[in-house]
PDB file of N, CA and C in Angstrom:
ATOM      1  N   MET A   1      23.499   6.005  -5.761  1.00  0.00           N
ATOM      2  CA  MET A   1      23.037   6.649  -4.553  1.00  0.00           C
ATOM      3  C   MET A   1      22.095   5.690  -3.811  1.00  0.00           C
ATOM      4  N   ALA A   2      22.272   5.568  -2.529  1.00  0.00           N
ATOM      5  CA  ALA A   2      21.476   4.645  -1.733  1.00  0.00           C
ATOM      6  C   ALA A   2      20.081   5.195  -1.489  1.00  0.00           C
ATOM      7  N   ARG A   3      19.136   4.283  -1.334  1.00  0.00           N
ATOM      8  CA  ARG A   3      17.770   4.696  -1.036  1.00  0.00           C
ATOM      9  C   ARG A   3      17.645   5.063   0.422  1.00  0.00           C
ATOM     10  N   SER A   4      16.770   6.004   0.692  1.00  0.00           N
ATOM     11  CA  SER A   4      16.593   6.512   2.043  1.00  0.00           C
ATOM     12  C   SER A   4      15.723   5.572   2.866  1.00  0.00           C
ATOM     13  N   THR A   5      16.021   5.479   4.165  1.00  0.00           N
ATOM     14  CA  THR A   5      15.184   4.675   5.059  1.00  0.00           C
ATOM     15  C   THR A   5      13.955   5.456   5.500  1.00  0.00           C
ATOM     16  N   ALA A   6      13.924   6.768   5.230  1.00  0.00           N
ATOM     17  CA  ALA A   6      12.759   7.579   5.570  1.00  0.00           C
ATOM     18  C   ALA A   6      11.618   7.353   4.592  1.00  0.00           C
ATOM     19  N   ARG A   7      11.910   6.768   3.425  1.00  0.00           N
ATOM     20  CA  ARG A   7      10.890   6.531   2.411  1.00  0.00           C
ATOM     21  C   ARG A   7      10.955   5.068   1.950  1.00  0.00           C
ATOM     22  N   PRO A   8      10.490   4.134   2.778  1.00  0.00           N
ATOM     23  CA  PRO A   8      10.604   2.715   2.419  1.00  0.00           C
ATOM     24  C   PRO A   8       9.545   2.276   1.397  1.00  0.00           C
ATOM     25  N   VAL A   9       9.825   1.170   0.742  1.00  0.00           N
ATOM     26  CA  VAL A   9       8.866   0.549  -0.173  1.00  0.00           C
ATOM     27  C   VAL A   9       7.892  -0.264   0.664  1.00  0.00           C
ATOM     28  N   VAL A  10       6.587  -0.069   0.428  1.00  0.00           N
ATOM     29  CA  VAL A  10       5.566  -0.808   1.162  1.00  0.00           C
ATOM     30  C   VAL A  10       4.642  -1.518   0.181  1.00  0.00           C
ATOM     31  N   ARG A  11       4.095  -2.652   0.632  1.00  0.00           N
ATOM     32  CA  ARG A  11       3.127  -3.397  -0.175  1.00  0.00           C
ATOM     33  C   ARG A  11       1.735  -3.119   0.368  1.00  0.00           C
ATOM     34  N   LEU A  12       0.810  -2.818  -0.538  1.00  0.00           N
ATOM     35  CA  LEU A  12      -0.579  -2.575  -0.165  1.00  0.00           C
ATOM     36  C   LEU A  12      -1.391  -3.780  -0.602  1.00  0.00           C
ATOM     37  N   LYS A  13      -2.099  -4.411   0.329  1.00  0.00           N
ATOM     38  CA  LYS A  13      -2.874  -5.610   0.040  1.00  0.00           C
ATOM     39  C   LYS A  13      -4.365  -5.293   0.075  1.00  0.00           C
ATOM     40  N   SER A  14      -5.119  -5.853  -0.834  1.00  0.00           N
ATOM     41  CA  SER A  14      -6.551  -5.591  -0.949  1.00  0.00           C
ATOM     42  C   SER A  14      -7.310  -6.109   0.264  1.00  0.00           C
ATOM     43  N   THR A  15      -8.273  -5.321   0.741  1.00  0.00           N
ATOM     44  CA  THR A  15      -9.123  -5.759   1.848  1.00  0.00           C
ATOM     45  C   THR A  15     -10.275  -6.620   1.350  1.00  0.00           C
ATOM     46  N   ALA A  16     -10.422  -6.762   0.035  1.00  0.00           N
ATOM     47  CA  ALA A  16     -11.488  -7.597  -0.524  1.00  0.00           C
ATOM     48  C   ALA A  16     -11.142  -9.079  -0.448  1.00  0.00           C
ATOM     49  N   GLY A  17      -9.906  -9.398  -0.078  1.00  0.00           N
ATOM     50  CA  GLY A  17      -9.507 -10.793   0.058  1.00  0.00           C
ATOM     51  C   GLY A  17      -9.170 -11.477  -1.246  1.00  0.00           C
ATOM     52  N   THR A  18      -8.851 -10.701  -2.283  1.00  0.00           N
ATOM     53  CA  THR A  18      -8.542 -11.287  -3.585  1.00  0.00           C
ATOM     54  C   THR A  18      -7.066 -11.582  -3.757  1.00  0.00           C
ATOM     55  N   GLY A  19      -6.220 -11.047  -2.874  1.00  0.00           N
ATOM     56  CA  GLY A  19      -4.786 -11.287  -2.968  1.00  0.00           C
ATOM     57  C   GLY A  19      -4.052 -10.320  -3.866  1.00  0.00           C
ATOM     58  N   VAL A  20      -4.730  -9.298  -4.386  1.00  0.00           N
ATOM     59  CA  VAL A  20      -4.103  -8.302  -5.251  1.00  0.00           C
ATOM     60  C   VAL A  20      -3.278  -7.353  -4.396  1.00  0.00           C
ATOM     61  N   THR A  21      -2.081  -6.996  -4.872  1.00  0.00           N
ATOM     62  CA  THR A  21      -1.214  -6.080  -4.136  1.00  0.00           C
ATOM     63  C   THR A  21      -0.734  -4.958  -5.052  1.00  0.00           C
ATOM     64  N   TYR A  22      -0.481  -3.817  -4.464  1.00  0.00           N
ATOM     65  CA  TYR A  22       0.184  -2.699  -5.117  1.00  0.00           C
ATOM     66  C   TYR A  22       1.472  -2.450  -4.352  1.00  0.00           C
ATOM     67  N   VAL A  23       2.480  -1.901  -5.024  1.00  0.00           N
ATOM     68  CA  VAL A  23       3.735  -1.550  -4.381  1.00  0.00           C
ATOM     69  C   VAL A  23       3.920  -0.048  -4.537  1.00  0.00           C
ATOM     70  N   THR A  24       4.224   0.633  -3.431  1.00  0.00           N
ATOM     71  CA  THR A  24       4.422   2.074  -3.451  1.00  0.00           C
ATOM     72  C   THR A  24       5.453   2.452  -2.404  1.00  0.00           C
ATOM     73  N   ARG A  25       5.757   3.734  -2.318  1.00  0.00           N
ATOM     74  CA  ARG A  25       6.690   4.249  -1.322  1.00  0.00           C
ATOM     75  C   ARG A  25       5.932   5.216  -0.442  1.00  0.00           C
ATOM     76  N   LYS A  26       6.315   5.291   0.831  1.00  0.00           N
ATOM     77  CA  LYS A  26       5.669   6.240   1.725  1.00  0.00           C
ATOM     78  C   LYS A  26       6.715   6.960   2.551  1.00  0.00           C
ATOM     79  N   ASN A  27       6.372   8.157   2.991  1.00  0.00           N
ATOM     80  CA  ASN A  27       7.248   8.941   3.853  1.00  0.00           C
ATOM     81  C   ASN A  27       6.937   8.556   5.291  1.00  0.00           C
ATOM     82  N   ARG A  28       7.861   7.884   5.926  1.00  0.00           N
ATOM     83  CA  ARG A  28       7.659   7.382   7.292  1.00  0.00           C
ATOM     84  C   ARG A  28       7.531   8.525   8.298  1.00  0.00           C
ATOM     85  N   ARG A  29       8.139   9.661   8.018  1.00  0.00           N
ATOM     86  CA  ARG A  29       8.076  10.799   8.930  1.00  0.00           C
ATOM     87  C   ARG A  29       6.681  11.439   8.931  1.00  0.00           C
ATOM     88  N   ASN A  30       6.044  11.548   7.776  1.00  0.00           N
ATOM     89  CA  ASN A  30       4.710  12.157   7.689  1.00  0.00           C
ATOM     90  C   ASN A  30       3.596  11.163   7.988  1.00  0.00           C
ATOM     91  N   ASN A  31       3.802   9.876   7.682  1.00  0.00           N
ATOM     92  CA  ASN A  31       2.778   8.846   7.861  1.00  0.00           C
ATOM     93  C   ASN A  31       3.353   7.696   8.673  1.00  0.00           C
ATOM     94  N   PRO A  32       3.472   7.831   9.988  1.00  0.00           N
ATOM     95  CA  PRO A  32       4.090   6.767  10.778  1.00  0.00           C
ATOM     96  C   PRO A  32       3.201   5.528  10.928  1.00  0.00           C
ATOM     97  N   ASP A  33       1.877   5.694  10.852  1.00  0.00           N
ATOM     98  CA  ASP A  33       0.984   4.550  10.988  1.00  0.00           C
ATOM     99  C   ASP A  33       0.789   3.882   9.622  1.00  0.00           C
ATOM    100  N   ARG A  34       0.032   2.798   9.603  1.00  0.00           N
ATOM    101  CA  ARG A  34      -0.150   2.038   8.371  1.00  0.00           C
ATOM    102  C   ARG A  34      -0.949   2.829   7.347  1.00  0.00           C
ATOM    103  N   LEU A  35      -0.511   2.734   6.107  1.00  0.00           N
ATOM    104  CA  LEU A  35      -1.104   3.473   5.008  1.00  0.00           C
ATOM    105  C   LEU A  35      -2.345   2.738   4.503  1.00  0.00           C
ATOM    106  N   VAL A  36      -3.421   3.482   4.219  1.00  0.00           N
ATOM    107  CA  VAL A  36      -4.638   2.923   3.626  1.00  0.00           C
ATOM    108  C   VAL A  36      -5.001   3.794   2.429  1.00  0.00           C
ATOM    109  N   LEU A  37      -5.032   3.184   1.244  1.00  0.00           N
ATOM    110  CA  LEU A  37      -5.399   3.899   0.022  1.00  0.00           C
ATOM    111  C   LEU A  37      -6.549   3.179  -0.657  1.00  0.00           C
ATOM    112  N   ARG A  38      -7.428   3.927  -1.295  1.00  0.00           N
ATOM    113  CA  ARG A  38      -8.543   3.349  -2.047  1.00  0.00           C
ATOM    114  C   ARG A  38      -8.108   3.246  -3.498  1.00  0.00           C
ATOM    115  N   LYS A  39      -7.920   2.014  -3.965  1.00  0.00           N
ATOM    116  CA  LYS A  39      -7.430   1.780  -5.313  1.00  0.00           C
ATOM    117  C   LYS A  39      -8.289   0.715  -5.990  1.00  0.00           C
ATOM    118  N   TYR A  40      -8.078   0.549  -7.296  1.00  0.00           N
ATOM    119  CA  TYR A  40      -8.870  -0.391  -8.081  1.00  0.00           C
ATOM    120  C   TYR A  40      -8.350  -1.811  -7.926  1.00  0.00           C
ATOM    121  N   ASP A  41      -9.253  -2.737  -7.642  1.00  0.00           N
ATOM    122  CA  ASP A  41      -8.934  -4.164  -7.553  1.00  0.00           C
ATOM    123  C   ASP A  41      -9.485  -4.834  -8.808  1.00  0.00           C
ATOM    124  N   PRO A  42      -8.625  -5.258  -9.745  1.00  0.00           N
ATOM    125  CA  PRO A  42      -9.114  -5.825 -11.002  1.00  0.00           C
ATOM    126  C   PRO A  42      -9.837  -7.153 -10.833  1.00  0.00           C
ATOM    127  N   VAL A  43      -9.521  -7.912  -9.800  1.00  0.00           N
ATOM    128  CA  VAL A  43     -10.205  -9.190  -9.573  1.00  0.00           C
ATOM    129  C   VAL A  43     -11.621  -8.939  -9.061  1.00  0.00           C
ATOM    130  N   ALA A  44     -11.781  -8.003  -8.125  1.00  0.00           N
ATOM    131  CA  ALA A  44     -13.099  -7.666  -7.587  1.00  0.00           C
ATOM    132  C   ALA A  44     -13.884  -6.790  -8.556  1.00  0.00           C
ATOM    133  N   GLY A  45     -13.176  -6.061  -9.422  1.00  0.00           N
ATOM    134  CA  GLY A  45     -13.841  -5.200 -10.393  1.00  0.00           C
ATOM    135  C   GLY A  45     -14.389  -3.924  -9.782  1.00  0.00           C
ATOM    136  N   ALA A  46     -13.785  -3.478  -8.681  1.00  0.00           N
ATOM    137  CA  ALA A  46     -14.267  -2.274  -8.011  1.00  0.00           C
ATOM    138  C   ALA A  46     -13.119  -1.623  -7.259  1.00  0.00           C
ATOM    139  N   HIS A  47     -13.356  -0.406  -6.797  1.00  0.00           N
ATOM    140  CA  HIS A  47     -12.392   0.288  -5.953  1.00  0.00           C
ATOM    141  C   HIS A  47     -12.601  -0.163  -4.513  1.00  0.00           C
ATOM    142  N   VAL A  48     -11.533  -0.602  -3.870  1.00  0.00           N
ATOM    143  CA  VAL A  48     -11.588  -1.060  -2.479  1.00  0.00           C
ATOM    144  C   VAL A  48     -10.410  -0.476  -1.721  1.00  0.00           C
ATOM    145  N   ASP A  49     -10.452  -0.578  -0.401  1.00  0.00           N
ATOM    146  CA  ASP A  49      -9.342  -0.107   0.418  1.00  0.00           C
ATOM    147  C   ASP A  49      -8.185  -1.097   0.345  1.00  0.00           C
ATOM    148  N   PHE A  50      -6.987  -0.561   0.214  1.00  0.00           N
ATOM    149  CA  PHE A  50      -5.763  -1.353   0.236  1.00  0.00           C
ATOM    150  C   PHE A  50      -4.989  -0.929   1.461  1.00  0.00           C
ATOM    151  N   ARG A  51      -4.627  -1.877   2.319  1.00  0.00           N
ATOM    152  CA  ARG A  51      -3.911  -1.591   3.562  1.00  0.00           C
ATOM    153  C   ARG A  51      -2.453  -2.020   3.453  1.00  0.00           C
ATOM    154  N   GLU A  52      -1.603  -1.273   4.115  1.00  0.00           N
ATOM    155  CA  GLU A  52      -0.177  -1.605   4.152  1.00  0.00           C
ATOM    156  C   GLU A  52       0.032  -2.862   4.979  1.00  0.00           C
ATOM    157  N   GLU A  53       0.792  -3.791   4.417  1.00  0.00           N
ATOM    158  CA  GLU A  53       1.128  -5.001   5.177  1.00  0.00           C
ATOM    159  C   GLU A  53       2.587  -4.928   5.593  1.00  0.00           C
ATOM    160  N   ARG A  54       2.923  -5.582   6.702  1.00  0.00           N
ATOM    161  CA  ARG A  54       4.285  -5.547   7.212  1.00  0.00           C
ATOM    162  C   ARG A  54       4.837  -6.940   7.340  1.00  0.00           C
TER     163      ARG A  54
END
């Protein structure tokens, strides 16, 4: 079964500048703008904002 284009895979990059990324899926219909999640950055050793990169 093919993957839906309504739920694409996005990469979340750390705003701390460490280069750490997370990979997740988002619903483009509910969240049309860029996704921002607060997740743990193991290099920085703290929770920081991760922004969707395109």
